[in-house]
């Protein structure tokens, strides 16, 4: 929806804020939602909450009989009034970047300490009963312990609004390539993780979860 973002994440896959561009033309989206029914429309890239017409697009998607899903870093969702407006517009689910509870790791991955802000966003999403999915980036040697911490947080009875957790290994794509060249102290190339490594981390940290559980869940 836009190339702008209110973060400058060293690991950004979209290379946000690197060029001066206008918000993207969404005439193709208008055509799509007028032609289809019952599909999920992912409103994303780079930070869609920066678009002044986001709520209008959520309403358009809903009015067309489709599912509206928002992908966000969660900064604006931490504002209660804004979160209420998004819910009023009719959002069905929100995918939120959530890399655990270690602010030192956030500094490496996102360039800012974000735990307090993201917990405020989680509080708003919980109280407004908005279906939420967590997107968790795990980097080798940096925040591997956050696999269990995030799993426990999402599984807590009071967080029934959280329906999914996506664990993603750090990838050397987008802005991460440039970051890796200018920050020798934190070599992102050394922090990459493959999917099977993530499965091993979860199984090791949460013994109640087995590899077969994960396989069956992914197949479902």
C-alpha atoms as a PDB file:
ATOM      1  CA  UNK A   1       0.000   0.000   0.000  1.00  0.00           C
ATOM      2  CA  UNK A   2       2.957   2.323   0.612  1.00  0.00           C
ATOM      3  CA  UNK A   3       6.756   2.359   0.643  1.00  0.00           C
ATOM      4  CA  UNK A   4       6.822   4.514   3.797  1.00  0.00           C
ATOM      5  CA  UNK A   5       7.268   3.257   7.350  1.00  0.00           C
ATOM      6  CA  UNK A   6       7.476   4.721  10.851  1.00  0.00           C
ATOM      7  CA  UNK A   7      10.385   2.367  11.625  1.00  0.00           C
ATOM      8  CA  UNK A   8      13.737   1.892   9.912  1.00  0.00           C
ATOM      9  CA  UNK A   9      14.301  -1.779  10.649  1.00  0.00           C
ATOM     10  CA  UNK A  10      17.826  -2.988   9.829  1.00  0.00           C
ATOM     11  CA  UNK A  11      16.243  -6.264   8.641  1.00  0.00           C
ATOM     12  CA  UNK A  12      13.426  -4.726   6.530  1.00  0.00           C
ATOM     13  CA  UNK A  13      12.492  -7.028   3.652  1.00  0.00           C
ATOM     14  CA  UNK A  14      10.682  -4.200   1.829  1.00  0.00           C
ATOM     15  CA  UNK A  15      13.577  -1.692   1.958  1.00  0.00           C
ATOM     16  CA  UNK A  16      11.133   0.908   3.273  1.00  0.00           C
ATOM     17  CA  UNK A  17      11.978   4.625   3.339  1.00  0.00           C
ATOM     18  CA  UNK A  18      14.812   4.204   0.841  1.00  0.00           C
ATOM     19  CA  UNK A  19      13.163   6.275  -1.908  1.00  0.00           C
ATOM     20  CA  UNK A  20      10.726   9.182  -2.091  1.00  0.00           C
ATOM     21  CA  UNK A  21       7.562   7.642  -3.506  1.00  0.00           C
ATOM     22  CA  UNK A  22       3.861   8.403  -3.390  1.00  0.00           C
ATOM     23  CA  UNK A  23       1.415   5.916  -1.884  1.00  0.00           C
ATOM     24  CA  UNK A  24       0.745   3.126  -4.344  1.00  0.00           C
ATOM     25  CA  UNK A  25      -2.159   3.304  -6.771  1.00  0.00           C
ATOM     26  CA  UNK A  26      -4.759   0.761  -5.621  1.00  0.00           C
ATOM     27  CA  UNK A  27      -7.026   0.743  -8.678  1.00  0.00           C
ATOM     28  CA  UNK A  28      -6.065  -2.895  -9.241  1.00  0.00           C
ATOM     29  CA  UNK A  29      -7.255  -3.739  -5.729  1.00  0.00           C
ATOM     30  CA  UNK A  30     -10.552  -2.009  -6.434  1.00  0.00           C
ATOM     31  CA  UNK A  31     -11.027  -4.197  -9.512  1.00  0.00           C
ATOM     32  CA  UNK A  32     -10.121  -7.346  -7.588  1.00  0.00           C
ATOM     33  CA  UNK A  33     -12.558  -6.843  -4.719  1.00  0.00           C
ATOM     34  CA  UNK A  34     -15.330  -5.990  -7.163  1.00  0.00           C
ATOM     35  CA  UNK A  35     -14.772  -9.253  -9.030  1.00  0.00           C
ATOM     36  CA  UNK A  36     -14.216 -11.679  -6.143  1.00  0.00           C
ATOM     37  CA  UNK A  37     -16.047 -12.697  -2.980  1.00  0.00           C
ATOM     38  CA  UNK A  38     -14.872 -14.501   0.137  1.00  0.00           C
ATOM     39  CA  UNK A  39     -11.122 -14.105  -0.385  1.00  0.00           C
ATOM     40  CA  UNK A  40      -8.680 -12.659   2.133  1.00  0.00           C
ATOM     41  CA  UNK A  41      -7.191  -9.311   1.175  1.00  0.00           C
ATOM     42  CA  UNK A  42      -3.844  -8.688   2.887  1.00  0.00           C
ATOM     43  CA  UNK A  43      -3.274  -4.954   3.371  1.00  0.00           C
ATOM     44  CA  UNK A  44       0.491  -4.708   3.740  1.00  0.00           C
ATOM     45  CA  UNK A  45       3.913  -3.212   2.796  1.00  0.00           C
ATOM     46  CA  UNK A  46       5.625  -1.250   4.040  1.00  0.00           C
ATOM     47  CA  UNK A  47       3.514   0.188   6.898  1.00  0.00           C
ATOM     48  CA  UNK A  48      -0.113   0.508   5.724  1.00  0.00           C
ATOM     49  CA  UNK A  49      -1.269   2.364   8.845  1.00  0.00           C
ATOM     50  CA  UNK A  50       0.546   5.426   7.448  1.00  0.00           C
ATOM     51  CA  UNK A  51      -2.038   5.691   4.659  1.00  0.00           C
ATOM     52  CA  UNK A  52      -4.721   8.234   5.527  1.00  0.00           C
ATOM     53  CA  UNK A  53      -7.281   6.220   3.545  1.00  0.00           C
ATOM     54  CA  UNK A  54      -6.599   2.840   5.185  1.00  0.00           C
ATOM     55  CA  UNK A  55      -9.936   2.783   7.011  1.00  0.00           C
ATOM     56  CA  UNK A  56     -11.743   3.532   3.745  1.00  0.00           C
ATOM     57  CA  UNK A  57     -10.028   0.564   2.107  1.00  0.00           C
ATOM     58  CA  UNK A  58     -10.929  -1.724   4.986  1.00  0.00           C
ATOM     59  CA  UNK A  59     -14.564  -0.692   4.565  1.00  0.00           C
ATOM     60  CA  UNK A  60     -14.379  -1.282   0.802  1.00  0.00           C
ATOM     61  CA  UNK A  61     -12.965  -4.767   1.293  1.00  0.00           C
ATOM     62  CA  UNK A  62     -15.666  -5.632   3.825  1.00  0.00           C
ATOM     63  CA  UNK A  63     -18.476  -4.145   1.728  1.00  0.00           C
ATOM     64  CA  UNK A  64     -17.348  -6.270  -1.236  1.00  0.00           C
ATOM     65  CA  UNK A  65     -17.862  -9.471   0.777  1.00  0.00           C
ATOM     66  CA  UNK A  66     -14.167 -10.170   1.314  1.00  0.00           C
ATOM     67  CA  UNK A  67     -11.927 -10.590   4.377  1.00  0.00           C
ATOM     68  CA  UNK A  68      -9.764  -7.639   5.478  1.00  0.00           C
ATOM     69  CA  UNK A  69      -6.383  -8.509   7.034  1.00  0.00           C
ATOM     70  CA  UNK A  70      -3.921  -5.832   8.130  1.00  0.00           C
ATOM     71  CA  UNK A  71      -0.142  -6.368   8.406  1.00  0.00           C
ATOM     72  CA  UNK A  72       1.542  -3.850  10.712  1.00  0.00           C
ATOM     73  CA  UNK A  73       4.484  -3.202  13.008  1.00  0.00           C
ATOM     74  CA  UNK A  74       1.918  -2.336  15.677  1.00  0.00           C
ATOM     75  CA  UNK A  75       3.132   1.163  16.535  1.00  0.00           C
ATOM     76  CA  UNK A  76      -0.120   2.920  15.668  1.00  0.00           C
ATOM     77  CA  UNK A  77      -2.228   0.074  17.076  1.00  0.00           C
ATOM     78  CA  UNK A  78      -0.705   0.973  20.465  1.00  0.00           C
ATOM     79  CA  UNK A  79      -2.845   4.115  20.301  1.00  0.00           C
ATOM     80  CA  UNK A  80      -6.269   3.117  21.680  1.00  0.00           C
ATOM     81  CA  UNK A  81      -8.243   5.647  19.643  1.00  0.00           C
ATOM     82  CA  UNK A  82      -6.609   4.496  16.406  1.00  0.00           C
ATOM     83  CA  UNK A  83      -7.118   0.811  17.260  1.00  0.00           C
ATOM     84  CA  UNK A  84     -10.808   1.506  17.886  1.00  0.00           C
ATOM     85  CA  UNK A  85     -11.100   3.209  14.500  1.00  0.00           C
ATOM     86  CA  UNK A  86      -9.560   0.209  12.746  1.00  0.00           C
ATOM     87  CA  UNK A  87     -11.997  -2.113  14.501  1.00  0.00           C
ATOM     88  CA  UNK A  88     -14.930   0.168  13.635  1.00  0.00           C
ATOM     89  CA  UNK A  89     -13.863   0.087   9.987  1.00  0.00           C
ATOM     90  CA  UNK A  90     -14.403  -3.685  10.104  1.00  0.00           C
ATOM     91  CA  UNK A  91     -10.952  -5.286  10.172  1.00  0.00           C
ATOM     92  CA  UNK A  92     -11.128  -9.089  10.439  1.00  0.00           C
ATOM     93  CA  UNK A  93      -7.595  -9.850  11.602  1.00  0.00           C
ATOM     94  CA  UNK A  94      -4.289  -8.110  12.248  1.00  0.00           C
ATOM     95  CA  UNK A  95      -0.803  -9.549  11.716  1.00  0.00           C
ATOM     96  CA  UNK A  96       1.639  -7.827  14.084  1.00  0.00           C
ATOM     97  CA  UNK A  97       5.440  -7.868  14.133  1.00  0.00           C
ATOM     98  CA  UNK A  98       6.299  -9.246  17.559  1.00  0.00           C
ATOM     99  CA  UNK A  99       9.866 -10.363  18.099  1.00  0.00           C
ATOM    100  CA  UNK A 100       9.636 -11.212  21.791  1.00  0.00           C
ATOM    101  CA  UNK A 101      10.373  -9.377  25.020  1.00  0.00           C
ATOM    102  CA  UNK A 102      14.073  -8.509  24.699  1.00  0.00           C
ATOM    103  CA  UNK A 103      14.608  -4.815  23.945  1.00  0.00           C
ATOM    104  CA  UNK A 104      18.316  -5.359  23.218  1.00  0.00           C
ATOM    105  CA  UNK A 105      17.274  -7.739  20.444  1.00  0.00           C
ATOM    106  CA  UNK A 106      14.765  -5.172  19.197  1.00  0.00           C
ATOM    107  CA  UNK A 107      17.575  -2.643  18.876  1.00  0.00           C
ATOM    108  CA  UNK A 108      19.450  -5.017  16.552  1.00  0.00           C
ATOM    109  CA  UNK A 109      16.427  -6.141  14.529  1.00  0.00           C
ATOM    110  CA  UNK A 110      14.271  -3.009  14.521  1.00  0.00           C
ATOM    111  CA  UNK A 111      16.552  -0.170  15.542  1.00  0.00           C
ATOM    112  CA  UNK A 112      14.361   0.767  18.518  1.00  0.00           C
ATOM    113  CA  UNK A 113      13.234  -0.556  21.879  1.00  0.00           C
ATOM    114  CA  UNK A 114       9.663  -1.671  21.209  1.00  0.00           C
ATOM    115  CA  UNK A 115       8.518  -3.970  24.022  1.00  0.00           C
ATOM    116  CA  UNK A 116       6.472  -1.318  25.846  1.00  0.00           C
ATOM    117  CA  UNK A 117       4.783  -0.136  22.644  1.00  0.00           C
ATOM    118  CA  UNK A 118       3.988  -3.629  21.428  1.00  0.00           C
ATOM    119  CA  UNK A 119       2.541  -4.656  24.770  1.00  0.00           C
ATOM    120  CA  UNK A 120       0.252  -1.618  24.576  1.00  0.00           C
ATOM    121  CA  UNK A 121      -0.825  -2.783  21.108  1.00  0.00           C
ATOM    122  CA  UNK A 122      -1.465  -6.296  22.456  1.00  0.00           C
ATOM    123  CA  UNK A 123      -3.608  -4.850  25.249  1.00  0.00           C
ATOM    124  CA  UNK A 124      -5.730  -2.920  22.750  1.00  0.00           C
ATOM    125  CA  UNK A 125      -6.132  -5.923  20.453  1.00  0.00           C
ATOM    126  CA  UNK A 126      -7.095  -8.149  23.393  1.00  0.00           C
ATOM    127  CA  UNK A 127      -9.639  -5.735  24.845  1.00  0.00           C
ATOM    128  CA  UNK A 128     -11.140  -4.975  21.421  1.00  0.00           C
ATOM    129  CA  UNK A 129     -11.282  -8.723  20.650  1.00  0.00           C
ATOM    130  CA  UNK A 130      -9.515  -8.389  17.305  1.00  0.00           C
ATOM    131  CA  UNK A 131      -8.159 -11.675  15.914  1.00  0.00           C
ATOM    132  CA  UNK A 132      -4.368 -11.395  16.001  1.00  0.00           C
ATOM    133  CA  UNK A 133      -1.441 -13.246  14.481  1.00  0.00           C
ATOM    134  CA  UNK A 134       2.116 -12.688  15.707  1.00  0.00           C
ATOM    135  CA  UNK A 135       5.006 -12.494  13.237  1.00  0.00           C
ATOM    136  CA  UNK A 136       8.147 -13.389  15.205  1.00  0.00           C
ATOM    137  CA  UNK A 137      11.615 -13.014  13.684  1.00  0.00           C
ATOM    138  CA  UNK A 138      14.212 -15.162  15.427  1.00  0.00           C
ATOM    139  CA  UNK A 139      17.932 -14.528  14.917  1.00  0.00           C
ATOM    140  CA  UNK A 140      20.639 -17.043  15.793  1.00  0.00           C
ATOM    141  CA  UNK A 141      22.514 -16.105  18.954  1.00  0.00           C
ATOM    142  CA  UNK A 142      20.306 -13.069  19.556  1.00  0.00           C
ATOM    143  CA  UNK A 143      16.727 -13.841  20.606  1.00  0.00           C
ATOM    144  CA  UNK A 144      16.364 -17.616  20.373  1.00  0.00           C
ATOM    145  CA  UNK A 145      14.929 -17.747  23.903  1.00  0.00           C
ATOM    146  CA  UNK A 146      11.991 -15.690  22.666  1.00  0.00           C
ATOM    147  CA  UNK A 147      10.572 -18.752  20.887  1.00  0.00           C
ATOM    148  CA  UNK A 148       9.355 -20.172  24.205  1.00  0.00           C
ATOM    149  CA  UNK A 149       8.526 -16.768  25.680  1.00  0.00           C
ATOM    150  CA  UNK A 150       6.335 -15.858  22.734  1.00  0.00           C
ATOM    151  CA  UNK A 151       4.757 -19.321  22.590  1.00  0.00           C
ATOM    152  CA  UNK A 152       3.809 -19.065  26.287  1.00  0.00           C
ATOM    153  CA  UNK A 153       2.473 -15.539  25.832  1.00  0.00           C
ATOM    154  CA  UNK A 154       0.304 -16.512  22.872  1.00  0.00           C
ATOM    155  CA  UNK A 155      -0.959 -19.631  24.686  1.00  0.00           C
ATOM    156  CA  UNK A 156      -2.038 -17.781  27.833  1.00  0.00           C
ATOM    157  CA  UNK A 157      -5.825 -17.991  28.442  1.00  0.00           C
ATOM    158  CA  UNK A 158      -6.203 -14.212  28.494  1.00  0.00           C
ATOM    159  CA  UNK A 159      -4.744 -13.987  24.988  1.00  0.00           C
ATOM    160  CA  UNK A 160      -7.378 -16.001  23.188  1.00  0.00           C
ATOM    161  CA  UNK A 161      -7.475 -13.274  20.530  1.00  0.00           C
ATOM    162  CA  UNK A 162      -4.068 -14.526  19.353  1.00  0.00           C
ATOM    163  CA  UNK A 163      -4.866 -17.246  16.852  1.00  0.00           C
ATOM    164  CA  UNK A 164      -1.489 -17.858  15.195  1.00  0.00           C
ATOM    165  CA  UNK A 165       2.229 -17.435  15.764  1.00  0.00           C
ATOM    166  CA  UNK A 166       4.525 -17.357  12.742  1.00  0.00           C
ATOM    167  CA  UNK A 167       8.168 -18.006  13.641  1.00  0.00           C
ATOM    168  CA  UNK A 168      10.485 -16.759  10.895  1.00  0.00           C
ATOM    169  CA  UNK A 169      14.237 -17.169  10.715  1.00  0.00           C
ATOM    170  CA  UNK A 170      16.281 -14.066   9.977  1.00  0.00           C
ATOM    171  CA  UNK A 171      16.892 -13.732   6.247  1.00  0.00           C
ATOM    172  CA  UNK A 172      19.544 -11.689   4.470  1.00  0.00           C
ATOM    173  CA  UNK A 173      17.156  -9.871   2.140  1.00  0.00           C
ATOM    174  CA  UNK A 174      16.159  -6.268   1.487  1.00  0.00           C
ATOM    175  CA  UNK A 175      17.784  -3.760   3.850  1.00  0.00           C
ATOM    176  CA  UNK A 176      19.470  -6.569   5.775  1.00  0.00           C
ATOM    177  CA  UNK A 177      22.070  -6.848   2.997  1.00  0.00           C
ATOM    178  CA  UNK A 178      23.104  -3.219   3.436  1.00  0.00           C
ATOM    179  CA  UNK A 179      22.992  -3.445   7.237  1.00  0.00           C
ATOM    180  CA  UNK A 180      25.263  -6.466   7.208  1.00  0.00           C
ATOM    181  CA  UNK A 181      27.902  -4.536   5.291  1.00  0.00           C
ATOM    182  CA  UNK A 182      28.014  -1.583   7.709  1.00  0.00           C
ATOM    183  CA  UNK A 183      27.651  -3.218  11.146  1.00  0.00           C
ATOM    184  CA  UNK A 184      30.486  -5.713  11.753  1.00  0.00           C
ATOM    185  CA  UNK A 185      29.518  -6.041  15.431  1.00  0.00           C
ATOM    186  CA  UNK A 186      26.204  -7.651  14.508  1.00  0.00           C
ATOM    187  CA  UNK A 187      26.788  -9.806  11.444  1.00  0.00           C
ATOM    188  CA  UNK A 188      23.305 -10.637  10.225  1.00  0.00           C
ATOM    189  CA  UNK A 189      24.758 -13.318   7.965  1.00  0.00           C
ATOM    190  CA  UNK A 190      25.816 -15.203  11.107  1.00  0.00           C
ATOM    191  CA  UNK A 191      22.291 -14.843  12.575  1.00  0.00           C
ATOM    192  CA  UNK A 192      20.370 -16.526   9.781  1.00  0.00           C
ATOM    193  CA  UNK A 193      18.109 -19.447  10.682  1.00  0.00           C
ATOM    194  CA  UNK A 194      16.495 -22.080   8.497  1.00  0.00           C
ATOM    195  CA  UNK A 195      12.941 -23.330   9.168  1.00  0.00           C
ATOM    196  CA  UNK A 196      14.156 -26.650  10.566  1.00  0.00           C
ATOM    197  CA  UNK A 197      16.335 -24.781  13.070  1.00  0.00           C
ATOM    198  CA  UNK A 198      13.229 -22.954  14.296  1.00  0.00           C
ATOM    199  CA  UNK A 199      11.339 -26.222  14.707  1.00  0.00           C
ATOM    200  CA  UNK A 200      14.204 -27.590  16.817  1.00  0.00           C
ATOM    201  CA  UNK A 201      14.167 -24.455  18.994  1.00  0.00           C
ATOM    202  CA  UNK A 202      10.434 -24.789  19.655  1.00  0.00           C
ATOM    203  CA  UNK A 203      10.590 -28.521  20.358  1.00  0.00           C
ATOM    204  CA  UNK A 204      13.561 -28.048  22.704  1.00  0.00           C
ATOM    205  CA  UNK A 205      12.025 -25.109  24.579  1.00  0.00           C
ATOM    206  CA  UNK A 206       8.447 -26.411  24.732  1.00  0.00           C
ATOM    207  CA  UNK A 207       8.590 -30.185  25.385  1.00  0.00           C
ATOM    208  CA  UNK A 208       4.795 -30.461  25.096  1.00  0.00           C
ATOM    209  CA  UNK A 209       5.189 -29.697  21.378  1.00  0.00           C
ATOM    210  CA  UNK A 210       6.527 -32.415  19.081  1.00  0.00           C
ATOM    211  CA  UNK A 211       7.756 -32.331  15.515  1.00  0.00           C
ATOM    212  CA  UNK A 212       4.707 -34.405  14.555  1.00  0.00           C
ATOM    213  CA  UNK A 213       2.418 -31.772  16.144  1.00  0.00           C
ATOM    214  CA  UNK A 214       4.060 -29.124  13.969  1.00  0.00           C
ATOM    215  CA  UNK A 215       3.822 -31.266  10.838  1.00  0.00           C
ATOM    216  CA  UNK A 216       0.139 -32.015  11.435  1.00  0.00           C
ATOM    217  CA  UNK A 217      -0.604 -28.369  12.201  1.00  0.00           C
ATOM    218  CA  UNK A 218       1.110 -27.167   9.017  1.00  0.00           C
ATOM    219  CA  UNK A 219      -0.725 -29.742   6.920  1.00  0.00           C
ATOM    220  CA  UNK A 220      -4.064 -28.688   8.398  1.00  0.00           C
END
